[in-house]
Amino acid sequence: MEEISVPDRCNLLLYHVKLFKEKYPKRNFSELKKYFAGYISDFPGAKELRVKLMDAKSGGDVKKIVESYLV
């Protein structure tokens, strides 16, 4: 099985967040957080990134956190 790169996983997470906002605009953003570990795990700094993401209040927050990690 081919390994997905960390930047690709982060971008998939951002895409998932975007789809959630588009499909379920009235649902609570916190419902999405349970999926973060599926994207953000098994690489150096993953735990710290997940901790920051769990404090996110919106998709915009997730985008800022992920983009700052990828820089």
PDB file of N, CA and C in Angstrom:
ATOM      1  N   MET A   1       0.842  -1.182   0.000  1.00  0.00           N
ATOM      2  CA  MET A   1       0.000   0.000   0.000  1.00  0.00           C
ATOM      3  C   MET A   1       0.887   1.246   0.000  1.00  0.00           C
ATOM      4  N   GLU A   2       0.549   2.198  -0.826  1.00  0.00           N
ATOM      5  CA  GLU A   2       1.347   3.415  -0.957  1.00  0.00           C
ATOM      6  C   GLU A   2       1.073   4.362   0.215  1.00  0.00           C
ATOM      7  N   GLU A   3       2.142   4.919   0.757  1.00  0.00           N
ATOM      8  CA  GLU A   3       2.041   5.865   1.864  1.00  0.00           C
ATOM      9  C   GLU A   3       1.624   7.242   1.336  1.00  0.00           C
ATOM     10  N   ILE A   4       0.697   7.862   2.013  1.00  0.00           N
ATOM     11  CA  ILE A   4       0.256   9.212   1.639  1.00  0.00           C
ATOM     12  C   ILE A   4       1.114  10.211   2.404  1.00  0.00           C
ATOM     13  N   SER A   5       1.644  11.192   1.727  1.00  0.00           N
ATOM     14  CA  SER A   5       2.536  12.161   2.360  1.00  0.00           C
ATOM     15  C   SER A   5       1.774  13.006   3.389  1.00  0.00           C
ATOM     16  N   VAL A   6       2.507  13.563   4.319  1.00  0.00           N
ATOM     17  CA  VAL A   6       1.906  14.412   5.352  1.00  0.00           C
ATOM     18  C   VAL A   6       1.196  15.622   4.732  1.00  0.00           C
ATOM     19  N   PRO A   7       1.822  16.341   3.791  1.00  0.00           N
ATOM     20  CA  PRO A   7       1.092  17.461   3.176  1.00  0.00           C
ATOM     21  C   PRO A   7      -0.197  17.007   2.478  1.00  0.00           C
ATOM     22  N   ASP A   8      -0.169  15.848   1.837  1.00  0.00           N
ATOM     23  CA  ASP A   8      -1.374  15.356   1.177  1.00  0.00           C
ATOM     24  C   ASP A   8      -2.457  15.025   2.200  1.00  0.00           C
ATOM     25  N   ARG A   9      -2.059  14.431   3.321  1.00  0.00           N
ATOM     26  CA  ARG A   9      -3.047  14.137   4.375  1.00  0.00           C
ATOM     27  C   ARG A   9      -3.645  15.427   4.931  1.00  0.00           C
ATOM     28  N   CYS A  10      -2.803  16.424   5.137  1.00  0.00           N
ATOM     29  CA  CYS A  10      -3.294  17.708   5.648  1.00  0.00           C
ATOM     30  C   CYS A  10      -4.264  18.346   4.651  1.00  0.00           C
ATOM     31  N   ASN A  11      -3.929  18.266   3.377  1.00  0.00           N
ATOM     32  CA  ASN A  11      -4.823  18.823   2.361  1.00  0.00           C
ATOM     33  C   ASN A  11      -6.127  18.050   2.265  1.00  0.00           C
ATOM     34  N   LEU A  12      -6.084  16.740   2.467  1.00  0.00           N
ATOM     35  CA  LEU A  12      -7.314  15.946   2.502  1.00  0.00           C
ATOM     36  C   LEU A  12      -8.189  16.340   3.693  1.00  0.00           C
ATOM     37  N   LEU A  13      -7.547  16.598   4.822  1.00  0.00           N
ATOM     38  CA  LEU A  13      -8.305  17.064   5.990  1.00  0.00           C
ATOM     39  C   LEU A  13      -8.996  18.384   5.672  1.00  0.00           C
ATOM     40  N   LEU A  14      -8.280  19.311   5.064  1.00  0.00           N
ATOM     41  CA  LEU A  14      -8.877  20.601   4.705  1.00  0.00           C
ATOM     42  C   LEU A  14     -10.039  20.422   3.729  1.00  0.00           C
ATOM     43  N   TYR A  15      -9.900  19.497   2.801  1.00  0.00           N
ATOM     44  CA  TYR A  15     -10.975  19.216   1.848  1.00  0.00           C
ATOM     45  C   TYR A  15     -12.194  18.637   2.571  1.00  0.00           C
ATOM     46  N   HIS A  16     -11.965  17.734   3.519  1.00  0.00           N
ATOM     47  CA  HIS A  16     -13.038  17.137   4.303  1.00  0.00           C
ATOM     48  C   HIS A  16     -13.778  18.218   5.089  1.00  0.00           C
ATOM     49  N   VAL A  17     -13.039  19.130   5.693  1.00  0.00           N
ATOM     50  CA  VAL A  17     -13.641  20.234   6.447  1.00  0.00           C
ATOM     51  C   VAL A  17     -14.492  21.102   5.516  1.00  0.00           C
ATOM     52  N   LYS A  18     -13.976  21.390   4.338  1.00  0.00           N
ATOM     53  CA  LYS A  18     -14.712  22.201   3.349  1.00  0.00           C
ATOM     54  C   LYS A  18     -16.012  21.510   2.941  1.00  0.00           C
ATOM     55  N   LEU A  19     -15.939  20.211   2.655  1.00  0.00           N
ATOM     56  CA  LEU A  19     -17.139  19.465   2.275  1.00  0.00           C
ATOM     57  C   LEU A  19     -18.168  19.452   3.400  1.00  0.00           C
ATOM     58  N   PHE A  20     -17.693  19.280   4.625  1.00  0.00           N
ATOM     59  CA  PHE A  20     -18.595  19.273   5.771  1.00  0.00           C
ATOM     60  C   PHE A  20     -19.352  20.600   5.859  1.00  0.00           C
ATOM     61  N   LYS A  21     -18.631  21.699   5.702  1.00  0.00           N
ATOM     62  CA  LYS A  21     -19.263  23.022   5.774  1.00  0.00           C
ATOM     63  C   LYS A  21     -20.275  23.217   4.650  1.00  0.00           C
ATOM     64  N   GLU A  22     -19.960  22.698   3.460  1.00  0.00           N
ATOM     65  CA  GLU A  22     -20.866  22.843   2.319  1.00  0.00           C
ATOM     66  C   GLU A  22     -22.113  21.969   2.457  1.00  0.00           C
ATOM     67  N   LYS A  23     -21.936  20.736   2.872  1.00  0.00           N
ATOM     68  CA  LYS A  23     -23.039  19.776   2.947  1.00  0.00           C
ATOM     69  C   LYS A  23     -23.903  19.955   4.198  1.00  0.00           C
ATOM     70  N   TYR A  24     -23.288  20.355   5.295  1.00  0.00           N
ATOM     71  CA  TYR A  24     -23.989  20.449   6.578  1.00  0.00           C
ATOM     72  C   TYR A  24     -23.747  21.798   7.247  1.00  0.00           C
ATOM     73  N   PRO A  25     -24.169  22.880   6.634  1.00  0.00           N
ATOM     74  CA  PRO A  25     -23.855  24.211   7.166  1.00  0.00           C
ATOM     75  C   PRO A  25     -24.449  24.479   8.551  1.00  0.00           C
ATOM     76  N   LYS A  26     -25.488  23.792   8.916  1.00  0.00           N
ATOM     77  CA  LYS A  26     -26.136  24.049  10.210  1.00  0.00           C
ATOM     78  C   LYS A  26     -25.637  23.124  11.323  1.00  0.00           C
ATOM     79  N   ARG A  27     -24.864  22.107  10.969  1.00  0.00           N
ATOM     80  CA  ARG A  27     -24.380  21.165  11.980  1.00  0.00           C
ATOM     81  C   ARG A  27     -23.186  21.741  12.731  1.00  0.00           C
ATOM     82  N   ASN A  28     -23.014  21.248  13.939  1.00  0.00           N
ATOM     83  CA  ASN A  28     -21.951  21.701  14.821  1.00  0.00           C
ATOM     84  C   ASN A  28     -20.588  21.248  14.287  1.00  0.00           C
ATOM     85  N   PHE A  29     -19.679  22.188  14.135  1.00  0.00           N
ATOM     86  CA  PHE A  29     -18.337  21.909  13.634  1.00  0.00           C
ATOM     87  C   PHE A  29     -17.619  20.856  14.480  1.00  0.00           C
ATOM     88  N   SER A  30     -17.881  20.811  15.771  1.00  0.00           N
ATOM     89  CA  SER A  30     -17.191  19.880  16.676  1.00  0.00           C
ATOM     90  C   SER A  30     -17.411  18.420  16.296  1.00  0.00           C
ATOM     91  N   GLU A  31     -18.496  18.123  15.592  1.00  0.00           N
ATOM     92  CA  GLU A  31     -18.754  16.749  15.157  1.00  0.00           C
ATOM     93  C   GLU A  31     -17.627  16.222  14.272  1.00  0.00           C
ATOM     94  N   LEU A  32     -16.967  17.104  13.593  1.00  0.00           N
ATOM     95  CA  LEU A  32     -15.926  16.737  12.641  1.00  0.00           C
ATOM     96  C   LEU A  32     -14.609  16.370  13.328  1.00  0.00           C
ATOM     97  N   LYS A  33     -14.403  16.837  14.525  1.00  0.00           N
ATOM     98  CA  LYS A  33     -13.118  16.661  15.202  1.00  0.00           C
ATOM     99  C   LYS A  33     -12.748  15.201  15.432  1.00  0.00           C
ATOM    100  N   LYS A  34     -13.735  14.325  15.554  1.00  0.00           N
ATOM    101  CA  LYS A  34     -13.429  12.923  15.811  1.00  0.00           C
ATOM    102  C   LYS A  34     -12.662  12.276  14.655  1.00  0.00           C
ATOM    103  N   TYR A  35     -12.665  12.891  13.500  1.00  0.00           N
ATOM    104  CA  TYR A  35     -11.963  12.351  12.340  1.00  0.00           C
ATOM    105  C   TYR A  35     -10.534  12.870  12.195  1.00  0.00           C
ATOM    106  N   PHE A  36     -10.158  13.869  12.962  1.00  0.00           N
ATOM    107  CA  PHE A  36      -8.839  14.480  12.813  1.00  0.00           C
ATOM    108  C   PHE A  36      -7.704  13.475  12.987  1.00  0.00           C
ATOM    109  N   ALA A  37      -7.833  12.568  13.930  1.00  0.00           N
ATOM    110  CA  ALA A  37      -6.748  11.605  14.182  1.00  0.00           C
ATOM    111  C   ALA A  37      -6.503  10.697  12.982  1.00  0.00           C
ATOM    112  N   GLY A  38      -7.516  10.461  12.170  1.00  0.00           N
ATOM    113  CA  GLY A  38      -7.341   9.644  10.982  1.00  0.00           C
ATOM    114  C   GLY A  38      -6.414  10.288   9.956  1.00  0.00           C
ATOM    115  N   TYR A  39      -6.370  11.586   9.956  1.00  0.00           N
ATOM    116  CA  TYR A  39      -5.515  12.328   9.038  1.00  0.00           C
ATOM    117  C   TYR A  39      -4.182  12.699   9.668  1.00  0.00           C
ATOM    118  N   ILE A  40      -4.229  13.023  10.948  1.00  0.00           N
ATOM    119  CA  ILE A  40      -3.061  13.588  11.626  1.00  0.00           C
ATOM    120  C   ILE A  40      -2.535  12.582  12.645  1.00  0.00           C
ATOM    121  N   SER A  41      -1.724  11.638  12.155  1.00  0.00           N
ATOM    122  CA  SER A  41      -1.127  10.631  13.039  1.00  0.00           C
ATOM    123  C   SER A  41       0.088  10.015  12.361  1.00  0.00           C
ATOM    124  N   ASP A  42       0.923   9.419  13.180  1.00  0.00           N
ATOM    125  CA  ASP A  42       2.083   8.656  12.701  1.00  0.00           C
ATOM    126  C   ASP A  42       3.110   9.472  11.927  1.00  0.00           C
ATOM    127  N   PHE A  43       3.350  10.699  12.377  1.00  0.00           N
ATOM    128  CA  PHE A  43       4.458  11.479  11.833  1.00  0.00           C
ATOM    129  C   PHE A  43       4.942  12.437  12.911  1.00  0.00           C
ATOM    130  N   PRO A  44       6.192  12.870  12.832  1.00  0.00           N
ATOM    131  CA  PRO A  44       6.733  13.769  13.851  1.00  0.00           C
ATOM    132  C   PRO A  44       5.895  15.050  13.958  1.00  0.00           C
ATOM    133  N   GLY A  45       5.496  15.380  15.168  1.00  0.00           N
ATOM    134  CA  GLY A  45       4.713  16.578  15.414  1.00  0.00           C
ATOM    135  C   GLY A  45       3.208  16.375  15.293  1.00  0.00           C
ATOM    136  N   ALA A  46       2.770  15.158  14.977  1.00  0.00           N
ATOM    137  CA  ALA A  46       1.339  14.901  14.786  1.00  0.00           C
ATOM    138  C   ALA A  46       0.540  15.165  16.066  1.00  0.00           C
ATOM    139  N   LYS A  47       1.048  14.725  17.189  1.00  0.00           N
ATOM    140  CA  LYS A  47       0.316  14.905  18.449  1.00  0.00           C
ATOM    141  C   LYS A  47       0.099  16.389  18.735  1.00  0.00           C
ATOM    142  N   GLU A  48       1.138  17.171  18.587  1.00  0.00           N
ATOM    143  CA  GLU A  48       1.044  18.600  18.856  1.00  0.00           C
ATOM    144  C   GLU A  48       0.071  19.275  17.884  1.00  0.00           C
ATOM    145  N   LEU A  49       0.105  18.857  16.625  1.00  0.00           N
ATOM    146  CA  LEU A  49      -0.820  19.404  15.637  1.00  0.00           C
ATOM    147  C   LEU A  49      -2.261  19.034  15.980  1.00  0.00           C
ATOM    148  N   ARG A  50      -2.499  17.784  16.376  1.00  0.00           N
ATOM    149  CA  ARG A  50      -3.856  17.361  16.764  1.00  0.00           C
ATOM    150  C   ARG A  50      -4.367  18.161  17.955  1.00  0.00           C
ATOM    151  N   VAL A  51      -3.499  18.403  18.923  1.00  0.00           N
ATOM    152  CA  VAL A  51      -3.899  19.183  20.104  1.00  0.00           C
ATOM    153  C   VAL A  51      -4.369  20.569  19.674  1.00  0.00           C
ATOM    154  N   LYS A  52      -3.629  21.201  18.787  1.00  0.00           N
ATOM    155  CA  LYS A  52      -4.032  22.520  18.289  1.00  0.00           C
ATOM    156  C   LYS A  52      -5.347  22.442  17.523  1.00  0.00           C
ATOM    157  N   LEU A  53      -5.499  21.403  16.699  1.00  0.00           N
ATOM    158  CA  LEU A  53      -6.723  21.259  15.913  1.00  0.00           C
ATOM    159  C   LEU A  53      -7.945  21.031  16.793  1.00  0.00           C
ATOM    160  N   MET A  54      -7.764  20.361  17.909  1.00  0.00           N
ATOM    161  CA  MET A  54      -8.896  20.113  18.804  1.00  0.00           C
ATOM    162  C   MET A  54      -9.404  21.406  19.439  1.00  0.00           C
ATOM    163  N   ASP A  55      -8.582  22.442  19.459  1.00  0.00           N
ATOM    164  CA  ASP A  55      -9.011  23.748  19.979  1.00  0.00           C
ATOM    165  C   ASP A  55      -9.693  24.602  18.913  1.00  0.00           C
ATOM    166  N   ALA A  56      -9.677  24.148  17.669  1.00  0.00           N
ATOM    167  CA  ALA A  56     -10.271  24.915  16.566  1.00  0.00           C
ATOM    168  C   ALA A  56     -11.785  25.052  16.778  1.00  0.00           C
ATOM    169  N   LYS A  57     -12.293  26.229  16.452  1.00  0.00           N
ATOM    170  CA  LYS A  57     -13.720  26.510  16.604  1.00  0.00           C
ATOM    171  C   LYS A  57     -14.451  26.529  15.261  1.00  0.00           C
ATOM    172  N   SER A  58     -13.675  26.496  14.168  1.00  0.00           N
ATOM    173  CA  SER A  58     -14.293  26.582  12.839  1.00  0.00           C
ATOM    174  C   SER A  58     -13.355  25.993  11.793  1.00  0.00           C
ATOM    175  N   GLY A  59     -13.895  25.841  10.592  1.00  0.00           N
ATOM    176  CA  GLY A  59     -13.073  25.384   9.485  1.00  0.00           C
ATOM    177  C   GLY A  59     -11.957  26.363   9.175  1.00  0.00           C
ATOM    178  N   GLY A  60     -12.226  27.635   9.346  1.00  0.00           N
ATOM    179  CA  GLY A  60     -11.198  28.655   9.135  1.00  0.00           C
ATOM    180  C   GLY A  60     -10.039  28.487  10.101  1.00  0.00           C
ATOM    181  N   ASP A  61     -10.359  28.149  11.349  1.00  0.00           N
ATOM    182  CA  ASP A  61      -9.304  27.895  12.337  1.00  0.00           C
ATOM    183  C   ASP A  61      -8.460  26.697  11.912  1.00  0.00           C
ATOM    184  N   VAL A  62      -9.114  25.637  11.452  1.00  0.00           N
ATOM    185  CA  VAL A  62      -8.395  24.436  11.013  1.00  0.00           C
ATOM    186  C   VAL A  62      -7.453  24.796   9.871  1.00  0.00           C
ATOM    187  N   LYS A  63      -7.950  25.578   8.932  1.00  0.00           N
ATOM    188  CA  LYS A  63      -7.131  25.971   7.778  1.00  0.00           C
ATOM    189  C   LYS A  63      -5.897  26.744   8.234  1.00  0.00           C
ATOM    190  N   LYS A  64      -6.070  27.696   9.145  1.00  0.00           N
ATOM    191  CA  LYS A  64      -4.928  28.482   9.634  1.00  0.00           C
ATOM    192  C   LYS A  64      -3.904  27.591  10.337  1.00  0.00           C
ATOM    193  N   ILE A  65      -4.396  26.682  11.172  1.00  0.00           N
ATOM    194  CA  ILE A  65      -3.499  25.804  11.933  1.00  0.00           C
ATOM    195  C   ILE A  65      -2.717  24.897  10.997  1.00  0.00           C
ATOM    196  N   VAL A  66      -3.412  24.287  10.055  1.00  0.00           N
ATOM    197  CA  VAL A  66      -2.754  23.368   9.119  1.00  0.00           C
ATOM    198  C   VAL A  66      -1.772  24.119   8.222  1.00  0.00           C
ATOM    199  N   GLU A  67      -2.189  25.256   7.714  1.00  0.00           N
ATOM    200  CA  GLU A  67      -1.282  26.030   6.851  1.00  0.00           C
ATOM    201  C   GLU A  67      -0.034  26.482   7.597  1.00  0.00           C
ATOM    202  N   SER A  68      -0.182  26.862   8.866  1.00  0.00           N
ATOM    203  CA  SER A  68       1.002  27.263   9.633  1.00  0.00           C
ATOM    204  C   SER A  68       1.915  26.074   9.889  1.00  0.00           C
ATOM    205  N   TYR A  69       1.349  24.880  10.001  1.00  0.00           N
ATOM    206  CA  TYR A  69       2.170  23.678  10.177  1.00  0.00           C
ATOM    207  C   TYR A  69       2.934  23.363   8.892  1.00  0.00           C
ATOM    208  N   LEU A  70       2.282  23.520   7.757  1.00  0.00           N
ATOM    209  CA  LEU A  70       2.891  23.135   6.475  1.00  0.00           C
ATOM    210  C   LEU A  70       3.979  24.116   6.009  1.00  0.00           C
ATOM    211  N   VAL A  71       4.038  25.294   6.577  1.00  0.00           N
ATOM    212  CA  VAL A  71       5.039  26.289   6.153  1.00  0.00           C
ATOM    213  C   VAL A  71       6.423  25.863   6.571  1.00  0.00           C
TER     214      VAL A  71
END
